[in-house]
Amino acid sequence: MLGIDDTIERRRGKRIAAKGIYRDLVRSSHGHFVKASGLRYISLLLLAPVP
């Protein structure tokens, strides 16, 4: 089974070239939008059953 996870690492500074502004899923709600600036990492996980 495969799993996908995304994480936002909050980073500041002028020399960070790949940073962007993303929606913070933890602090946002349906009616309230919260932005987070930083780097976004997407991980692909291989989930193996433990005998």
C-alpha atoms as a PDB file:
ATOM      1  CA  MET A   1       0.000   0.000   0.000  1.00  0.00           C
ATOM      2  CA  LEU A   2       1.252   3.498  -0.773  1.00  0.00           C
ATOM      3  CA  GLY A   3       0.655   6.681   1.165  1.00  0.00           C
ATOM      4  CA  ILE A   4       1.229  10.328   0.241  1.00  0.00           C
ATOM      5  CA  ASP A   5       1.920  13.109   2.748  1.00  0.00           C
ATOM      6  CA  ASP A   6       2.691  16.799   2.273  1.00  0.00           C
ATOM      7  CA  THR A   7       4.431  19.039   4.800  1.00  0.00           C
ATOM      8  CA  ILE A   8       5.088  22.770   4.829  1.00  0.00           C
ATOM      9  CA  GLU A   9       8.386  23.829   6.399  1.00  0.00           C
ATOM     10  CA  ARG A  10       8.079  27.477   7.354  1.00  0.00           C
ATOM     11  CA  ARG A  11      11.190  29.285   6.124  1.00  0.00           C
ATOM     12  CA  ARG A  12      12.009  32.970   5.831  1.00  0.00           C
ATOM     13  CA  GLY A  13      14.732  34.795   3.994  1.00  0.00           C
ATOM     14  CA  LYS A  14      15.567  36.304   0.624  1.00  0.00           C
ATOM     15  CA  ARG A  15      18.017  33.574  -0.414  1.00  0.00           C
ATOM     16  CA  ILE A  16      15.489  30.708  -0.346  1.00  0.00           C
ATOM     17  CA  ALA A  17      14.583  30.361  -4.024  1.00  0.00           C
ATOM     18  CA  ALA A  18      11.915  27.637  -3.944  1.00  0.00           C
ATOM     19  CA  LYS A  19       9.639  29.032  -1.232  1.00  0.00           C
ATOM     20  CA  GLY A  20       5.994  29.714  -1.937  1.00  0.00           C
ATOM     21  CA  ILE A  21       2.737  30.626  -0.250  1.00  0.00           C
ATOM     22  CA  TYR A  22       0.484  27.668   0.525  1.00  0.00           C
ATOM     23  CA  ARG A  23      -2.793  27.056   2.342  1.00  0.00           C
ATOM     24  CA  ASP A  24      -2.186  25.845   5.892  1.00  0.00           C
ATOM     25  CA  LEU A  25      -4.558  22.897   6.233  1.00  0.00           C
ATOM     26  CA  VAL A  26      -4.199  22.602  10.015  1.00  0.00           C
ATOM     27  CA  ARG A  27      -5.052  26.212  10.888  1.00  0.00           C
ATOM     28  CA  SER A  28      -7.594  26.827   8.103  1.00  0.00           C
ATOM     29  CA  SER A  29     -11.280  26.037   8.221  1.00  0.00           C
ATOM     30  CA  HIS A  30     -14.097  26.106   5.683  1.00  0.00           C
ATOM     31  CA  GLY A  31     -14.739  29.803   6.167  1.00  0.00           C
ATOM     32  CA  HIS A  32     -11.258  30.981   7.250  1.00  0.00           C
ATOM     33  CA  PHE A  33      -8.193  30.827   4.931  1.00  0.00           C
ATOM     34  CA  VAL A  34      -4.716  30.835   6.531  1.00  0.00           C
ATOM     35  CA  LYS A  35      -1.597  31.237   4.381  1.00  0.00           C
ATOM     36  CA  ALA A  36       1.830  29.810   5.213  1.00  0.00           C
ATOM     37  CA  SER A  37       5.082  30.813   3.544  1.00  0.00           C
ATOM     38  CA  GLY A  38       7.839  28.243   3.155  1.00  0.00           C
ATOM     39  CA  LEU A  39       8.915  25.053   1.436  1.00  0.00           C
ATOM     40  CA  ARG A  40       6.479  22.265   0.597  1.00  0.00           C
ATOM     41  CA  TYR A  41       7.654  18.658   0.736  1.00  0.00           C
ATOM     42  CA  ILE A  42       5.634  15.788  -0.703  1.00  0.00           C
ATOM     43  CA  SER A  43       6.532  12.289   0.532  1.00  0.00           C
ATOM     44  CA  LEU A  44       5.595   8.939  -0.970  1.00  0.00           C
ATOM     45  CA  LEU A  45       5.458   6.174   1.660  1.00  0.00           C
ATOM     46  CA  LEU A  46       5.530   2.427   1.187  1.00  0.00           C
ATOM     47  CA  LEU A  47       3.376   0.936   3.950  1.00  0.00           C
ATOM     48  CA  ALA A  48       4.292  -2.699   4.601  1.00  0.00           C
ATOM     49  CA  PRO A  49       2.323  -4.981   6.957  1.00  0.00           C
ATOM     50  CA  VAL A  50       4.182  -6.121  10.075  1.00  0.00           C
ATOM     51  CA  PRO A  51       3.765  -9.859  10.734  1.00  0.00           C
END
